[in-house]
Amino acid sequence: MDLLFRAQQVHREHFDANEVQLSTLLSIKTGGCAEDCGYCPQSSHFETEVKASKLMPLAEVMQAAQAAKAQGATRFCMGAAWRSPKERDMERVTEMVREVRALGLETCMTLGMLEAEQAQALKDAGLDYYNHNLDSSPEFYERIISTRTYQDRLDTLGHVREAGINVCCGGIVGMGESRLQRAGLIAQLANLNPYPESVPINNLVPVAGTPLANAAPLDPFEFVRTIAVARITMPRTMVRLSAGREQMDEALQALCFAAGANSIFYGDKLLTTSNPQADRDRLLFERLGLKTQGARPAAQLAP
């Protein structure tokens, strides 16, 4: 209770406590990823029901972006299951950024690891945010992923920062880590200089065929603790409820908002997992007295 009280104090110092920002996530290229992230059904290392697909045509991406805007989303996030984008892909993804941004939506992409020149190309196209999660604490990381190092992730975040793009970076809890290791993830994020403008906190959704298919569910109050500590240590970031929200009841979601979460992924689906439908979210917001945030430029955050 003391932790929630402190998180609520910090939240109210920097935000309207009754306002939530809405983001919609679209998988623009699904499956066939060369990485072996133990939680991910898109990995080519595992036998799952996710089938590999090619990069979506621009027209289909724009149709999804227009639908997201019509439902009230202010940020449109596009994810591709790549280890890193190839040069032949960059022209197509930068065109997506320009066209989605022309709709008046904030743009976010997650394409895997980036080189400095690729980050700059995305910046030149007008990308607002780049998502690249740390996933876990350094101490736990090697139990989940072997195909890229923790430093690889930090290097990509550095390229994104140097290009002047806002950083969206969080992690996944419920993968069998200890409370201390969850704290280690938040400490890593909070000590980035500056800390990320957006911090998505994912609650593992176990998927058949992945190494974490039988992971024990995380105590829901541990998830709330993680949200609260993220808010306290990164007071001006947008803390986002991400994967796993479909499995949360309304009371747990309300507790997360009280602990300082002020952003959600909004719509029927995340990259490959289901998400509460927009109508249900709007009804929950109405019952909780929450309003949705209008689009506005991302402010540079202090460390």
C-alpha atoms as a PDB file:
ATOM      1  CA  MET A   1       0.000   0.000   0.000  1.00  0.00           C
ATOM      2  CA  ASP A   2       2.888   2.363   0.729  1.00  0.00           C
ATOM      3  CA  LEU A   3       4.373   1.606  -2.690  1.00  0.00           C
ATOM      4  CA  LEU A   4       1.074   2.369  -4.433  1.00  0.00           C
ATOM      5  CA  PHE A   5       0.694   5.586  -2.472  1.00  0.00           C
ATOM      6  CA  ARG A   6       4.178   6.760  -3.460  1.00  0.00           C
ATOM      7  CA  ALA A   7       3.630   5.792  -7.100  1.00  0.00           C
ATOM      8  CA  GLN A   8       0.357   7.718  -7.168  1.00  0.00           C
ATOM      9  CA  GLN A   9       2.064  10.796  -5.692  1.00  0.00           C
ATOM     10  CA  VAL A  10       4.791  10.693  -8.337  1.00  0.00           C
ATOM     11  CA  HIS A  11       2.266  10.125 -11.106  1.00  0.00           C
ATOM     12  CA  ARG A  12       0.161  13.127 -10.102  1.00  0.00           C
ATOM     13  CA  GLU A  13       3.233  15.367 -10.011  1.00  0.00           C
ATOM     14  CA  HIS A  14       3.790  14.845 -13.734  1.00  0.00           C
ATOM     15  CA  PHE A  15       0.530  13.701 -15.342  1.00  0.00           C
ATOM     16  CA  ASP A  16      -3.211  14.019 -15.229  1.00  0.00           C
ATOM     17  CA  ALA A  17      -3.963  10.951 -13.103  1.00  0.00           C
ATOM     18  CA  ASN A  18      -7.207  10.322 -15.002  1.00  0.00           C
ATOM     19  CA  GLU A  19      -5.792  10.371 -18.533  1.00  0.00           C
ATOM     20  CA  VAL A  20      -4.655   7.384 -20.608  1.00  0.00           C
ATOM     21  CA  GLN A  21      -2.783   7.407 -23.920  1.00  0.00           C
ATOM     22  CA  LEU A  22      -3.863   4.898 -26.585  1.00  0.00           C
ATOM     23  CA  SER A  23      -1.493   3.136 -28.974  1.00  0.00           C
ATOM     24  CA  THR A  24      -2.336   0.558 -31.627  1.00  0.00           C
ATOM     25  CA  LEU A  25       0.160  -2.095 -32.719  1.00  0.00           C
ATOM     26  CA  LEU A  26       0.237  -3.740 -36.149  1.00  0.00           C
ATOM     27  CA  SER A  27       2.449  -6.633 -37.215  1.00  0.00           C
ATOM     28  CA  ILE A  28       3.682  -5.525 -40.641  1.00  0.00           C
ATOM     29  CA  LYS A  29       5.831  -8.645 -41.080  1.00  0.00           C
ATOM     30  CA  THR A  30       4.985 -11.719 -39.034  1.00  0.00           C
ATOM     31  CA  GLY A  31       6.989 -14.844 -38.183  1.00  0.00           C
ATOM     32  CA  GLY A  32      10.156 -16.397 -39.540  1.00  0.00           C
ATOM     33  CA  CYS A  33      12.444 -14.482 -37.175  1.00  0.00           C
ATOM     34  CA  ALA A  34      16.021 -15.760 -36.830  1.00  0.00           C
ATOM     35  CA  GLU A  35      16.192 -14.917 -33.115  1.00  0.00           C
ATOM     36  CA  ASP A  36      15.507 -17.546 -30.418  1.00  0.00           C
ATOM     37  CA  CYS A  37      13.719 -15.407 -27.802  1.00  0.00           C
ATOM     38  CA  GLY A  38      12.156 -18.074 -25.580  1.00  0.00           C
ATOM     39  CA  TYR A  39       8.809 -16.291 -25.208  1.00  0.00           C
ATOM     40  CA  CYS A  40       8.192 -15.533 -28.892  1.00  0.00           C
ATOM     41  CA  PRO A  41       5.964 -17.569 -31.234  1.00  0.00           C
ATOM     42  CA  GLN A  42       7.438 -15.690 -34.210  1.00  0.00           C
ATOM     43  CA  SER A  43      10.845 -17.358 -33.824  1.00  0.00           C
ATOM     44  CA  SER A  44      11.835 -19.749 -36.614  1.00  0.00           C
ATOM     45  CA  HIS A  45      13.497 -21.902 -33.927  1.00  0.00           C
ATOM     46  CA  PHE A  46      10.143 -23.075 -32.524  1.00  0.00           C
ATOM     47  CA  GLU A  47       7.143 -24.981 -33.864  1.00  0.00           C
ATOM     48  CA  THR A  48       4.139 -22.712 -33.263  1.00  0.00           C
ATOM     49  CA  GLU A  49       0.933 -21.857 -35.078  1.00  0.00           C
ATOM     50  CA  VAL A  50       2.381 -18.555 -36.310  1.00  0.00           C
ATOM     51  CA  LYS A  51       3.157 -18.722 -40.017  1.00  0.00           C
ATOM     52  CA  ALA A  52       5.811 -16.564 -41.641  1.00  0.00           C
ATOM     53  CA  SER A  53       4.589 -13.798 -43.924  1.00  0.00           C
ATOM     54  CA  LYS A  54       6.131 -11.116 -46.093  1.00  0.00           C
ATOM     55  CA  LEU A  55       6.137  -7.380 -45.399  1.00  0.00           C
ATOM     56  CA  MET A  56       2.624  -5.972 -45.710  1.00  0.00           C
ATOM     57  CA  PRO A  57       1.761  -3.736 -48.655  1.00  0.00           C
ATOM     58  CA  LEU A  58       1.555  -0.022 -47.872  1.00  0.00           C
ATOM     59  CA  ALA A  59      -2.159   0.114 -48.696  1.00  0.00           C
ATOM     60  CA  GLU A  60      -2.987  -2.495 -46.028  1.00  0.00           C
ATOM     61  CA  VAL A  61      -0.872  -0.710 -43.440  1.00  0.00           C
ATOM     62  CA  MET A  62      -2.646   2.563 -44.186  1.00  0.00           C
ATOM     63  CA  GLN A  63      -6.049   0.929 -43.902  1.00  0.00           C
ATOM     64  CA  ALA A  64      -5.120  -0.361 -40.439  1.00  0.00           C
ATOM     65  CA  ALA A  65      -3.721   3.045 -39.422  1.00  0.00           C
ATOM     66  CA  GLN A  66      -6.892   4.829 -40.486  1.00  0.00           C
ATOM     67  CA  ALA A  67      -8.996   2.332 -38.516  1.00  0.00           C
ATOM     68  CA  ALA A  68      -6.798   2.847 -35.445  1.00  0.00           C
ATOM     69  CA  LYS A  69      -7.202   6.612 -35.671  1.00  0.00           C
ATOM     70  CA  ALA A  70     -10.966   6.258 -36.050  1.00  0.00           C
ATOM     71  CA  GLN A  71     -11.046   4.217 -32.819  1.00  0.00           C
ATOM     72  CA  GLY A  72      -9.183   6.920 -30.896  1.00  0.00           C
ATOM     73  CA  ALA A  73      -5.551   5.781 -31.011  1.00  0.00           C
ATOM     74  CA  THR A  74      -2.993   8.593 -31.154  1.00  0.00           C
ATOM     75  CA  ARG A  75       0.099   6.446 -31.808  1.00  0.00           C
ATOM     76  CA  PHE A  76       0.463   3.758 -34.462  1.00  0.00           C
ATOM     77  CA  CYS A  77       3.162   1.171 -33.850  1.00  0.00           C
ATOM     78  CA  MET A  78       4.448  -1.098 -36.610  1.00  0.00           C
ATOM     79  CA  GLY A  79       6.401  -4.264 -35.814  1.00  0.00           C
ATOM     80  CA  ALA A  80       8.391  -6.545 -38.107  1.00  0.00           C
ATOM     81  CA  ALA A  81       9.780  -9.925 -37.042  1.00  0.00           C
ATOM     82  CA  TRP A  82      13.354  -9.351 -38.156  1.00  0.00           C
ATOM     83  CA  ARG A  83      16.725  -9.738 -36.498  1.00  0.00           C
ATOM     84  CA  SER A  84      17.446  -6.455 -38.248  1.00  0.00           C
ATOM     85  CA  PRO A  85      16.035  -4.821 -41.387  1.00  0.00           C
ATOM     86  CA  LYS A  86      17.828  -5.340 -44.692  1.00  0.00           C
ATOM     87  CA  GLU A  87      18.632  -2.362 -46.860  1.00  0.00           C
ATOM     88  CA  ARG A  88      16.016  -3.413 -49.414  1.00  0.00           C
ATOM     89  CA  ASP A  89      13.370  -3.096 -46.671  1.00  0.00           C
ATOM     90  CA  MET A  90      14.301   0.378 -45.500  1.00  0.00           C
ATOM     91  CA  GLU A  91      12.677   2.264 -48.380  1.00  0.00           C
ATOM     92  CA  ARG A  92       9.361   0.529 -47.772  1.00  0.00           C
ATOM     93  CA  VAL A  93       9.309   1.018 -44.008  1.00  0.00           C
ATOM     94  CA  THR A  94      10.327   4.680 -44.250  1.00  0.00           C
ATOM     95  CA  GLU A  95       7.472   5.217 -46.718  1.00  0.00           C
ATOM     96  CA  MET A  96       5.107   3.697 -44.153  1.00  0.00           C
ATOM     97  CA  VAL A  97       6.385   6.146 -41.542  1.00  0.00           C
ATOM     98  CA  ARG A  98       5.825   9.146 -43.821  1.00  0.00           C
ATOM     99  CA  GLU A  99       2.321   8.087 -44.841  1.00  0.00           C
ATOM    100  CA  VAL A 100       1.109   7.165 -41.338  1.00  0.00           C
ATOM    101  CA  ARG A 101       2.508  10.391 -39.941  1.00  0.00           C
ATOM    102  CA  ALA A 102       0.606  12.311 -42.635  1.00  0.00           C
ATOM    103  CA  LEU A 103      -2.613  11.014 -41.044  1.00  0.00           C
ATOM    104  CA  GLY A 104      -1.755  12.960 -37.889  1.00  0.00           C
ATOM    105  CA  LEU A 105      -0.726   9.899 -35.876  1.00  0.00           C
ATOM    106  CA  GLU A 106       2.462   9.533 -33.881  1.00  0.00           C
ATOM    107  CA  THR A 107       4.586   6.784 -35.412  1.00  0.00           C
ATOM    108  CA  CYS A 108       6.518   3.987 -33.746  1.00  0.00           C
ATOM    109  CA  MET A 109       8.420   1.068 -35.270  1.00  0.00           C
ATOM    110  CA  THR A 110      10.109  -2.057 -33.968  1.00  0.00           C
ATOM    111  CA  LEU A 111      12.277  -3.732 -36.594  1.00  0.00           C
ATOM    112  CA  GLY A 112      14.970  -5.428 -34.532  1.00  0.00           C
ATOM    113  CA  MET A 113      18.548  -4.212 -34.281  1.00  0.00           C
ATOM    114  CA  LEU A 114      19.502  -1.021 -36.143  1.00  0.00           C
ATOM    115  CA  GLU A 115      22.731   0.399 -37.480  1.00  0.00           C
ATOM    116  CA  ALA A 116      23.317   4.129 -37.063  1.00  0.00           C
ATOM    117  CA  GLU A 117      22.512   4.844 -40.737  1.00  0.00           C
ATOM    118  CA  GLN A 118      19.199   2.983 -40.484  1.00  0.00           C
ATOM    119  CA  ALA A 119      18.190   4.922 -37.396  1.00  0.00           C
ATOM    120  CA  GLN A 120      18.995   8.153 -39.205  1.00  0.00           C
ATOM    121  CA  ALA A 121      16.908   7.096 -42.216  1.00  0.00           C
ATOM    122  CA  LEU A 122      13.930   6.479 -39.936  1.00  0.00           C
ATOM    123  CA  LYS A 123      14.454   9.861 -38.290  1.00  0.00           C
ATOM    124  CA  ASP A 124      14.608  11.557 -41.686  1.00  0.00           C
ATOM    125  CA  ALA A 125      11.286   9.908 -42.558  1.00  0.00           C
ATOM    126  CA  GLY A 126       9.747  11.449 -39.435  1.00  0.00           C
ATOM    127  CA  LEU A 127       9.652   8.481 -37.046  1.00  0.00           C
ATOM    128  CA  ASP A 128       8.587   9.611 -33.580  1.00  0.00           C
ATOM    129  CA  TYR A 129       9.450   6.503 -31.512  1.00  0.00           C
ATOM    130  CA  TYR A 130      11.510   3.361 -31.926  1.00  0.00           C
ATOM    131  CA  ASN A 131      10.699   0.338 -29.773  1.00  0.00           C
ATOM    132  CA  HIS A 132      13.503  -1.992 -28.746  1.00  0.00           C
ATOM    133  CA  ASN A 133      12.953  -3.783 -25.450  1.00  0.00           C
ATOM    134  CA  LEU A 134      15.643  -4.942 -23.046  1.00  0.00           C
ATOM    135  CA  ASP A 135      13.254  -7.785 -22.123  1.00  0.00           C
ATOM    136  CA  SER A 136      14.850  -8.656 -18.764  1.00  0.00           C
ATOM    137  CA  SER A 137      17.639  -7.813 -16.368  1.00  0.00           C
ATOM    138  CA  PRO A 138      21.204  -8.563 -17.571  1.00  0.00           C
ATOM    139  CA  GLU A 139      21.483 -11.354 -14.994  1.00  0.00           C
ATOM    140  CA  PHE A 140      18.445 -13.225 -16.337  1.00  0.00           C
ATOM    141  CA  TYR A 141      18.801 -12.440 -20.031  1.00  0.00           C
ATOM    142  CA  GLU A 142      20.903 -15.433 -21.110  1.00  0.00           C
ATOM    143  CA  ARG A 143      18.253 -17.829 -19.819  1.00  0.00           C
ATOM    144  CA  ILE A 144      15.830 -16.457 -22.428  1.00  0.00           C
ATOM    145  CA  ILE A 145      17.871 -15.456 -25.513  1.00  0.00           C
ATOM    146  CA  SER A 146      21.147 -16.631 -27.045  1.00  0.00           C
ATOM    147  CA  THR A 147      21.131 -15.133 -30.559  1.00  0.00           C
ATOM    148  CA  ARG A 148      21.738 -11.525 -29.558  1.00  0.00           C
ATOM    149  CA  THR A 149      23.488 -10.046 -26.566  1.00  0.00           C
ATOM    150  CA  TYR A 150      22.310  -7.501 -24.053  1.00  0.00           C
ATOM    151  CA  GLN A 151      24.946  -5.141 -25.432  1.00  0.00           C
ATOM    152  CA  ASP A 152      23.444  -5.546 -28.926  1.00  0.00           C
ATOM    153  CA  ARG A 153      20.208  -4.163 -27.537  1.00  0.00           C
ATOM    154  CA  LEU A 154      21.938  -1.280 -25.788  1.00  0.00           C
ATOM    155  CA  ASP A 155      23.836  -0.452 -28.986  1.00  0.00           C
ATOM    156  CA  THR A 156      20.587  -0.181 -30.958  1.00  0.00           C
ATOM    157  CA  LEU A 157      19.114   2.091 -28.294  1.00  0.00           C
ATOM    158  CA  GLY A 158      22.233   4.239 -28.575  1.00  0.00           C
ATOM    159  CA  HIS A 159      21.819   4.580 -32.347  1.00  0.00           C
ATOM    160  CA  VAL A 160      18.170   5.540 -31.868  1.00  0.00           C
ATOM    161  CA  ARG A 161      19.084   8.216 -29.304  1.00  0.00           C
ATOM    162  CA  GLU A 162      21.874   9.604 -31.472  1.00  0.00           C
ATOM    163  CA  ALA A 163      19.463   9.956 -34.380  1.00  0.00           C
ATOM    164  CA  GLY A 164      17.107  12.015 -32.197  1.00  0.00           C
ATOM    165  CA  ILE A 165      14.249   9.488 -32.101  1.00  0.00           C
ATOM    166  CA  ASN A 166      12.248   8.989 -28.901  1.00  0.00           C
ATOM    167  CA  VAL A 167      12.900   5.645 -27.216  1.00  0.00           C
ATOM    168  CA  CYS A 168      10.214   3.086 -26.387  1.00  0.00           C
ATOM    169  CA  CYS A 169      11.854   0.399 -24.272  1.00  0.00           C
ATOM    170  CA  GLY A 170      10.534  -1.992 -21.654  1.00  0.00           C
ATOM    171  CA  GLY A 171      10.497  -5.676 -20.877  1.00  0.00           C
ATOM    172  CA  ILE A 172       8.594  -8.844 -20.058  1.00  0.00           C
ATOM    173  CA  VAL A 173       7.812 -10.171 -16.604  1.00  0.00           C
ATOM    174  CA  GLY A 174       6.545 -13.590 -15.636  1.00  0.00           C
ATOM    175  CA  MET A 175       9.325 -15.518 -17.409  1.00  0.00           C
ATOM    176  CA  GLY A 176      10.494 -17.220 -14.209  1.00  0.00           C
ATOM    177  CA  GLU A 177      12.614 -14.337 -12.943  1.00  0.00           C
ATOM    178  CA  SER A 178      12.872 -13.387  -9.271  1.00  0.00           C
ATOM    179  CA  ARG A 179      11.595 -10.141  -7.777  1.00  0.00           C
ATOM    180  CA  LEU A 180      15.211  -8.946  -7.584  1.00  0.00           C
ATOM    181  CA  GLN A 181      15.645  -9.661 -11.295  1.00  0.00           C
ATOM    182  CA  ARG A 182      12.464  -7.727 -12.090  1.00  0.00           C
ATOM    183  CA  ALA A 183      13.912  -4.857 -10.092  1.00  0.00           C
ATOM    184  CA  GLY A 184      17.104  -5.258 -12.138  1.00  0.00           C
ATOM    185  CA  LEU A 185      15.154  -4.724 -15.370  1.00  0.00           C
ATOM    186  CA  ILE A 186      13.559  -1.529 -14.047  1.00  0.00           C
ATOM    187  CA  ALA A 187      16.959  -0.330 -12.787  1.00  0.00           C
ATOM    188  CA  GLN A 188      18.470  -0.839 -16.255  1.00  0.00           C
ATOM    189  CA  LEU A 189      15.680   1.147 -17.887  1.00  0.00           C
ATOM    190  CA  ALA A 190      15.749   3.931 -15.305  1.00  0.00           C
ATOM    191  CA  ASN A 191      19.514   4.352 -15.638  1.00  0.00           C
ATOM    192  CA  LEU A 192      19.482   4.850 -19.391  1.00  0.00           C
ATOM    193  CA  ASN A 193      20.452   8.478 -19.982  1.00  0.00           C
ATOM    194  CA  PRO A 194      17.838   9.757 -20.525  1.00  0.00           C
ATOM    195  CA  TYR A 195      15.394   7.059 -19.547  1.00  0.00           C
ATOM    196  CA  PRO A 196      12.871   5.995 -22.232  1.00  0.00           C
ATOM    197  CA  GLU A 197       9.938   8.199 -23.139  1.00  0.00           C
ATOM    198  CA  SER A 198       7.728   5.084 -23.246  1.00  0.00           C
ATOM    199  CA  VAL A 199       8.106   1.942 -21.121  1.00  0.00           C
ATOM    200  CA  PRO A 200       5.903  -1.010 -22.127  1.00  0.00           C
ATOM    201  CA  ILE A 201       5.544  -3.604 -19.369  1.00  0.00           C
ATOM    202  CA  ASN A 202       4.538  -6.977 -20.807  1.00  0.00           C
ATOM    203  CA  ASN A 203       3.130  -9.841 -18.752  1.00  0.00           C
ATOM    204  CA  LEU A 204       4.181 -13.089 -20.410  1.00  0.00           C
ATOM    205  CA  VAL A 205       1.519 -14.791 -22.523  1.00  0.00           C
ATOM    206  CA  PRO A 206       2.724 -18.416 -22.710  1.00  0.00           C
ATOM    207  CA  VAL A 207       2.417 -19.801 -26.252  1.00  0.00           C
ATOM    208  CA  ALA A 208       2.418 -23.491 -27.129  1.00  0.00           C
ATOM    209  CA  GLY A 209       5.604 -24.551 -28.860  1.00  0.00           C
ATOM    210  CA  THR A 210       7.849 -21.967 -27.184  1.00  0.00           C
ATOM    211  CA  PRO A 211      10.270 -22.826 -24.347  1.00  0.00           C
ATOM    212  CA  LEU A 212       8.147 -20.766 -21.930  1.00  0.00           C
ATOM    213  CA  ALA A 213       4.876 -22.463 -22.854  1.00  0.00           C
ATOM    214  CA  ASN A 214       4.524 -23.894 -19.342  1.00  0.00           C
ATOM    215  CA  ALA A 215       5.785 -20.908 -17.361  1.00  0.00           C
ATOM    216  CA  ALA A 216       3.944 -20.418 -14.076  1.00  0.00           C
ATOM    217  CA  PRO A 217       1.785 -17.279 -14.057  1.00  0.00           C
ATOM    218  CA  LEU A 218       3.152 -14.276 -12.210  1.00  0.00           C
ATOM    219  CA  ASP A 219       1.356 -13.223  -9.041  1.00  0.00           C
ATOM    220  CA  PRO A 220      -0.784 -10.295 -10.254  1.00  0.00           C
ATOM    221  CA  PHE A 221       0.294  -8.113  -7.332  1.00  0.00           C
ATOM    222  CA  GLU A 222       3.911  -8.597  -8.417  1.00  0.00           C
ATOM    223  CA  PHE A 223       2.903  -7.164 -11.780  1.00  0.00           C
ATOM    224  CA  VAL A 224       1.331  -4.151 -10.053  1.00  0.00           C
ATOM    225  CA  ARG A 225       4.522  -3.708  -7.993  1.00  0.00           C
ATOM    226  CA  THR A 226       6.525  -3.634 -11.233  1.00  0.00           C
ATOM    227  CA  ILE A 227       4.266  -0.916 -12.667  1.00  0.00           C
ATOM    228  CA  ALA A 228       4.574   1.150  -9.483  1.00  0.00           C
ATOM    229  CA  VAL A 229       8.367   0.920  -9.363  1.00  0.00           C
ATOM    230  CA  ALA A 230       8.595   1.863 -13.047  1.00  0.00           C
ATOM    231  CA  ARG A 231       6.495   4.955 -12.317  1.00  0.00           C
ATOM    232  CA  ILE A 232       8.554   5.989  -9.294  1.00  0.00           C
ATOM    233  CA  THR A 233      11.936   5.524 -10.987  1.00  0.00           C
ATOM    234  CA  MET A 234      10.877   7.039 -14.341  1.00  0.00           C
ATOM    235  CA  PRO A 235       8.418   9.719 -13.248  1.00  0.00           C
ATOM    236  CA  ARG A 236       7.880  11.389 -16.622  1.00  0.00           C
ATOM    237  CA  THR A 237       7.689   8.329 -18.877  1.00  0.00           C
ATOM    238  CA  MET A 238       4.540   6.793 -20.334  1.00  0.00           C
ATOM    239  CA  VAL A 239       4.187   3.426 -18.577  1.00  0.00           C
ATOM    240  CA  ARG A 240       2.230   1.148 -20.895  1.00  0.00           C
ATOM    241  CA  LEU A 241       0.185  -1.959 -20.138  1.00  0.00           C
ATOM    242  CA  SER A 242       1.121  -4.191 -23.047  1.00  0.00           C
ATOM    243  CA  ALA A 243       0.996  -7.950 -23.651  1.00  0.00           C
ATOM    244  CA  GLY A 244      -0.997  -9.931 -21.113  1.00  0.00           C
ATOM    245  CA  ARG A 245      -3.749  -7.384 -20.610  1.00  0.00           C
ATOM    246  CA  GLU A 246      -6.268  -9.809 -22.150  1.00  0.00           C
ATOM    247  CA  GLN A 247      -5.643 -12.105 -19.181  1.00  0.00           C
ATOM    248  CA  MET A 248      -6.163  -9.329 -16.603  1.00  0.00           C
ATOM    249  CA  ASP A 249      -9.560  -8.706 -15.066  1.00  0.00           C
ATOM    250  CA  GLU A 250     -10.882  -5.157 -14.834  1.00  0.00           C
ATOM    251  CA  ALA A 251     -10.006  -4.774 -11.157  1.00  0.00           C
ATOM    252  CA  LEU A 252      -6.363  -5.633 -11.840  1.00  0.00           C
ATOM    253  CA  GLN A 253      -6.202  -3.170 -14.740  1.00  0.00           C
ATOM    254  CA  ALA A 254      -7.694  -0.485 -12.495  1.00  0.00           C
ATOM    255  CA  LEU A 255      -5.035  -1.212  -9.874  1.00  0.00           C
ATOM    256  CA  CYS A 256      -2.340  -0.824 -12.547  1.00  0.00           C
ATOM    257  CA  PHE A 257      -3.740   2.593 -13.499  1.00  0.00           C
ATOM    258  CA  ALA A 258      -3.699   3.541  -9.816  1.00  0.00           C
ATOM    259  CA  ALA A 259      -0.049   2.405  -9.674  1.00  0.00           C
ATOM    260  CA  GLY A 260       0.908   4.822 -12.469  1.00  0.00           C
ATOM    261  CA  ALA A 261       0.223   3.097 -15.787  1.00  0.00           C
ATOM    262  CA  ASN A 262      -1.029   5.740 -18.211  1.00  0.00           C
ATOM    263  CA  SER A 263      -0.836   4.108 -21.622  1.00  0.00           C
ATOM    264  CA  ILE A 264      -2.235   0.946 -23.188  1.00  0.00           C
ATOM    265  CA  PHE A 265      -2.105  -0.951 -26.436  1.00  0.00           C
ATOM    266  CA  TYR A 266      -5.584  -0.522 -27.812  1.00  0.00           C
ATOM    267  CA  GLY A 267      -7.370  -2.720 -30.345  1.00  0.00           C
ATOM    268  CA  ASP A 268      -8.177  -6.359 -30.996  1.00  0.00           C
ATOM    269  CA  LYS A 269      -4.667  -7.777 -31.352  1.00  0.00           C
ATOM    270  CA  LEU A 270      -1.005  -7.159 -30.552  1.00  0.00           C
ATOM    271  CA  LEU A 271       1.668  -8.686 -32.781  1.00  0.00           C
ATOM    272  CA  THR A 272       0.417 -12.266 -32.432  1.00  0.00           C
ATOM    273  CA  THR A 273      -1.651 -12.320 -29.227  1.00  0.00           C
ATOM    274  CA  SER A 274      -5.183 -11.161 -28.560  1.00  0.00           C
ATOM    275  CA  ASN A 275      -5.943  -7.908 -26.750  1.00  0.00           C
ATOM    276  CA  PRO A 276      -9.131  -6.558 -25.107  1.00  0.00           C
ATOM    277  CA  GLN A 277     -11.434  -5.203 -27.749  1.00  0.00           C
ATOM    278  CA  ALA A 278     -11.725  -1.457 -28.116  1.00  0.00           C
ATOM    279  CA  ASP A 279     -15.379  -1.363 -27.038  1.00  0.00           C
ATOM    280  CA  ARG A 280     -14.529  -3.124 -23.778  1.00  0.00           C
ATOM    281  CA  ASP A 281     -11.721  -0.670 -23.115  1.00  0.00           C
ATOM    282  CA  ARG A 282     -13.926   2.351 -23.739  1.00  0.00           C
ATOM    283  CA  LEU A 283     -16.539   0.974 -21.344  1.00  0.00           C
ATOM    284  CA  LEU A 284     -13.898   0.338 -18.677  1.00  0.00           C
ATOM    285  CA  PHE A 285     -12.540   3.890 -19.052  1.00  0.00           C
ATOM    286  CA  GLU A 286     -16.045   5.267 -18.680  1.00  0.00           C
ATOM    287  CA  ARG A 287     -16.636   3.262 -15.501  1.00  0.00           C
ATOM    288  CA  LEU A 288     -13.279   4.358 -14.047  1.00  0.00           C
ATOM    289  CA  GLY A 289     -13.733   7.999 -15.026  1.00  0.00           C
ATOM    290  CA  LEU A 290     -10.671   7.947 -17.287  1.00  0.00           C
ATOM    291  CA  LYS A 291     -10.306  10.060 -20.400  1.00  0.00           C
ATOM    292  CA  THR A 292      -8.065   9.444 -23.379  1.00  0.00           C
ATOM    293  CA  GLN A 293      -5.159  11.640 -24.317  1.00  0.00           C
ATOM    294  CA  GLY A 294      -5.065  13.602 -27.546  1.00  0.00           C
ATOM    295  CA  ALA A 295      -1.997  13.415 -29.769  1.00  0.00           C
ATOM    296  CA  ARG A 296       0.795  15.790 -28.858  1.00  0.00           C
ATOM    297  CA  PRO A 297       4.532  16.060 -29.517  1.00  0.00           C
ATOM    298  CA  ALA A 298       6.751  13.939 -27.289  1.00  0.00           C
ATOM    299  CA  ALA A 299       8.749  16.104 -24.896  1.00  0.00           C
ATOM    300  CA  GLN A 300      12.420  15.402 -24.297  1.00  0.00           C
ATOM    301  CA  LEU A 301      12.686  13.921 -20.838  1.00  0.00           C
ATOM    302  CA  ALA A 302      15.183  14.751 -18.161  1.00  0.00           C
ATOM    303  CA  PRO A 303      17.259  11.836 -16.827  1.00  0.00           C
END
